[in-house]
PDB file of N, CA and C in Angstrom:
ATOM      1  N   CYS A   1     107.061 109.904 -88.878  1.00  0.00           N
ATOM      2  CA  CYS A   1     108.143 110.967 -89.351  1.00  0.00           C
ATOM      3  C   CYS A   1     109.342 110.841 -88.581  1.00  0.00           C
ATOM      4  N   ALA A   2     110.359 111.014 -89.431  1.00  0.00           N
ATOM      5  CA  ALA A   2     111.793 110.514 -89.035  1.00  0.00           C
ATOM      6  C   ALA A   2     112.120 111.534 -88.049  1.00  0.00           C
ATOM      7  N   ALA A   3     111.666 112.878 -88.053  1.00  0.00           N
ATOM      8  CA  ALA A   3     112.115 113.820 -87.149  1.00  0.00           C
ATOM      9  C   ALA A   3     111.646 113.343 -85.775  1.00  0.00           C
ATOM     10  N   LEU A   4     110.683 112.602 -85.512  1.00  0.00           N
ATOM     11  CA  LEU A   4     110.071 112.175 -84.290  1.00  0.00           C
ATOM     12  C   LEU A   4     110.730 110.803 -83.652  1.00  0.00           C
ATOM     13  N   GLY A   5     111.517 110.217 -84.549  1.00  0.00           N
ATOM     14  CA  GLY A   5     111.971 108.866 -84.306  1.00  0.00           C
ATOM     15  C   GLY A   5     112.795 108.888 -82.875  1.00  0.00           C
ATOM     16  N   PRO A   6     113.648 109.780 -82.725  1.00  0.00           N
ATOM     17  CA  PRO A   6     114.328 109.686 -81.285  1.00  0.00           C
ATOM     18  C   PRO A   6     113.514 109.683 -80.079  1.00  0.00           C
ATOM     19  N   TYR A   7     112.132 110.147 -80.334  1.00  0.00           N
ATOM     20  CA  TYR A   7     111.577 110.415 -79.137  1.00  0.00           C
ATOM     21  C   TYR A   7     110.593 109.087 -78.962  1.00  0.00           C
ATOM     22  N   ILE A   8     110.493 108.131 -79.928  1.00  0.00           N
ATOM     23  CA  ILE A   8     109.691 106.919 -79.698  1.00  0.00           C
ATOM     24  C   ILE A   8     109.839 106.223 -78.530  1.00  0.00           C
ATOM     25  N   ALA A   9     110.980 106.013 -78.155  1.00  0.00           N
ATOM     26  CA  ALA A   9     111.386 105.335 -76.825  1.00  0.00           C
ATOM     27  C   ALA A   9     111.023 105.944 -75.637  1.00  0.00           C
ATOM     28  N   HIS A  10     110.550 107.136 -75.677  1.00  0.00           N
ATOM     29  CA  HIS A  10     110.094 107.979 -74.478  1.00  0.00           C
ATOM     30  C   HIS A  10     108.824 108.284 -74.629  1.00  0.00           C
ATOM     31  N   ILE A  11     107.822 107.623 -75.519  1.00  0.00           N
ATOM     32  CA  ILE A  11     106.516 108.124 -75.835  1.00  0.00           C
ATOM     33  C   ILE A  11     105.647 107.976 -74.765  1.00  0.00           C
ATOM     34  N   ASP A  12     105.721 107.032 -73.845  1.00  0.00           N
ATOM     35  CA  ASP A  12     104.820 107.105 -72.650  1.00  0.00           C
ATOM     36  C   ASP A  12     105.170 108.144 -71.704  1.00  0.00           C
ATOM     37  N   ASP A  13     106.274 108.426 -71.495  1.00  0.00           N
ATOM     38  CA  ASP A  13     106.659 109.466 -70.641  1.00  0.00           C
ATOM     39  C   ASP A  13     106.201 110.766 -71.209  1.00  0.00           C
ATOM     40  N   ILE A  14     106.571 110.998 -72.420  1.00  0.00           N
ATOM     41  CA  ILE A  14     105.998 112.371 -72.977  1.00  0.00           C
ATOM     42  C   ILE A  14     104.457 112.391 -72.854  1.00  0.00           C
ATOM     43  N   TYR A  15     103.809 111.345 -73.245  1.00  0.00           N
ATOM     44  CA  TYR A  15     102.257 111.368 -73.126  1.00  0.00           C
ATOM     45  C   TYR A  15     101.924 111.653 -71.797  1.00  0.00           C
ATOM     46  N   GLU A  16     102.430 110.969 -70.814  1.00  0.00           N
ATOM     47  CA  GLU A  16     102.241 111.148 -69.221  1.00  0.00           C
ATOM     48  C   GLU A  16     102.280 112.829 -68.875  1.00  0.00           C
ATOM     49  N   ASP A  17     103.512 113.336 -69.419  1.00  0.00           N
ATOM     50  CA  ASP A  17     103.709 114.619 -69.205  1.00  0.00           C
ATOM     51  C   ASP A  17     102.600 115.597 -69.689  1.00  0.00           C
ATOM     52  N   PHE A  18     102.302 115.135 -71.063  1.00  0.00           N
ATOM     53  CA  PHE A  18     101.250 116.019 -71.687  1.00  0.00           C
ATOM     54  C   PHE A  18      99.970 115.942 -70.720  1.00  0.00           C
ATOM     55  N   ARG A  19      99.415 114.760 -70.403  1.00  0.00           N
ATOM     56  CA  ARG A  19      98.165 114.709 -69.564  1.00  0.00           C
ATOM     57  C   ARG A  19      98.254 115.353 -68.255  1.00  0.00           C
ATOM     58  N   SER A  20      99.468 115.349 -67.763  1.00  0.00           N
ATOM     59  CA  SER A  20      99.666 116.081 -66.439  1.00  0.00           C
ATOM     60  C   SER A  20      99.676 117.678 -66.745  1.00  0.00           C
ATOM     61  N   TYR A  21     100.040 117.960 -67.837  1.00  0.00           N
ATOM     62  CA  TYR A  21     100.049 119.378 -68.112  1.00  0.00           C
ATOM     63  C   TYR A  21      98.486 119.622 -68.394  1.00  0.00           C
ATOM     64  N   GLU A  22      97.952 118.929 -69.074  1.00  0.00           N
ATOM     65  CA  GLU A  22      96.433 119.248 -69.666  1.00  0.00           C
ATOM     66  C   GLU A  22      95.514 119.474 -68.330  1.00  0.00           C
ATOM     67  N   VAL A  23      95.866 118.742 -67.403  1.00  0.00           N
ATOM     68  CA  VAL A  23      95.002 118.744 -66.391  1.00  0.00           C
ATOM     69  C   VAL A  23      95.160 120.137 -65.554  1.00  0.00           C
ATOM     70  N   ARG A  24      96.435 120.852 -65.526  1.00  0.00           N
ATOM     71  CA  ARG A  24      96.809 122.032 -64.845  1.00  0.00           C
ATOM     72  C   ARG A  24      96.426 123.293 -65.543  1.00  0.00           C
ATOM     73  N   VAL A  25      96.297 123.040 -67.001  1.00  0.00           N
ATOM     74  CA  VAL A  25      96.183 124.116 -67.788  1.00  0.00           C
ATOM     75  C   VAL A  25      94.480 124.176 -68.160  1.00  0.00           C
ATOM     76  N   PRO A  26      93.786 125.311 -68.067  1.00  0.00           N
ATOM     77  CA  PRO A  26      92.507 125.451 -68.532  1.00  0.00           C
ATOM     78  C   PRO A  26      92.334 125.168 -69.952  1.00  0.00           C
ATOM     79  N   VAL A  27      91.252 124.478 -70.283  1.00  0.00           N
ATOM     80  CA  VAL A  27      90.982 124.062 -71.681  1.00  0.00           C
ATOM     81  C   VAL A  27      89.734 124.816 -72.129  1.00  0.00           C
ATOM     82  N   THR A  28      89.923 125.501 -73.323  1.00  0.00           N
ATOM     83  CA  THR A  28      88.526 126.120 -73.994  1.00  0.00           C
ATOM     84  C   THR A  28      88.197 125.496 -75.111  1.00  0.00           C
ATOM     85  N   ALA A  29      86.982 125.706 -75.511  1.00  0.00           N
ATOM     86  CA  ALA A  29      86.478 125.158 -76.594  1.00  0.00           C
ATOM     87  C   ALA A  29      85.710 126.288 -77.186  1.00  0.00           C
ATOM     88  N   LEU A  30      85.451 126.100 -78.804  1.00  0.00           N
ATOM     89  CA  LEU A  30      84.691 127.020 -79.257  1.00  0.00           C
ATOM     90  C   LEU A  30      83.751 126.186 -80.459  1.00  0.00           C
ATOM     91  N   ILE A  31      82.520 126.909 -80.207  1.00  0.00           N
ATOM     92  CA  ILE A  31      81.367 126.304 -81.314  1.00  0.00           C
ATOM     93  C   ILE A  31      81.143 127.394 -82.367  1.00  0.00           C
ATOM     94  N   ILE A  32      81.026 127.328 -83.295  1.00  0.00           N
ATOM     95  CA  ILE A  32      80.750 128.178 -84.367  1.00  0.00           C
ATOM     96  C   ILE A  32      79.397 127.806 -85.146  1.00  0.00           C
ATOM     97  N   LEU A  33      78.327 128.477 -84.848  1.00  0.00           N
ATOM     98  CA  LEU A  33      77.102 128.258 -85.499  1.00  0.00           C
ATOM     99  C   LEU A  33      76.797 129.090 -86.788  1.00  0.00           C
ATOM    100  N   GLY A  34      75.832 128.807 -87.604  1.00  0.00           N
ATOM    101  CA  GLY A  34      75.497 129.515 -88.791  1.00  0.00           C
ATOM    102  C   GLY A  34      74.312 130.596 -88.143  1.00  0.00           C
ATOM    103  N   LYS A  35      73.839 131.301 -88.972  1.00  0.00           N
ATOM    104  CA  LYS A  35      73.024 132.645 -88.592  1.00  0.00           C
ATOM    105  C   LYS A  35      71.689 131.950 -88.022  1.00  0.00           C
ATOM    106  N   SER A  36      71.348 130.438 -88.554  1.00  0.00           N
ATOM    107  CA  SER A  36      70.271 129.873 -87.889  1.00  0.00           C
ATOM    108  C   SER A  36      70.255 129.343 -86.693  1.00  0.00           C
ATOM    109  N   TYR A  37      71.558 129.173 -86.208  1.00  0.00           N
ATOM    110  CA  TYR A  37      72.148 128.568 -84.726  1.00  0.00           C
ATOM    111  C   TYR A  37      71.638 127.029 -84.872  1.00  0.00           C
ATOM    112  N   GLU A  38      71.441 126.459 -86.109  1.00  0.00           N
ATOM    113  CA  GLU A  38      71.179 124.952 -86.125  1.00  0.00           C
ATOM    114  C   GLU A  38      72.493 124.166 -86.569  1.00  0.00           C
ATOM    115  N   GLN A  39      73.625 124.854 -87.134  1.00  0.00           N
ATOM    116  CA  GLN A  39      74.674 124.275 -87.837  1.00  0.00           C
ATOM    117  C   GLN A  39      76.014 124.831 -87.335  1.00  0.00           C
TER     118      GLN A  39
END
């Protein structure tokens, strides 16, 4: 993606910042089951 081109040189720093953020912010997940609760 051309819009992200300027950030390529800093991708490692950006990823590390994201990982640091991810550790500090609670993460939630959702599982959707069918009526039989099997799928």
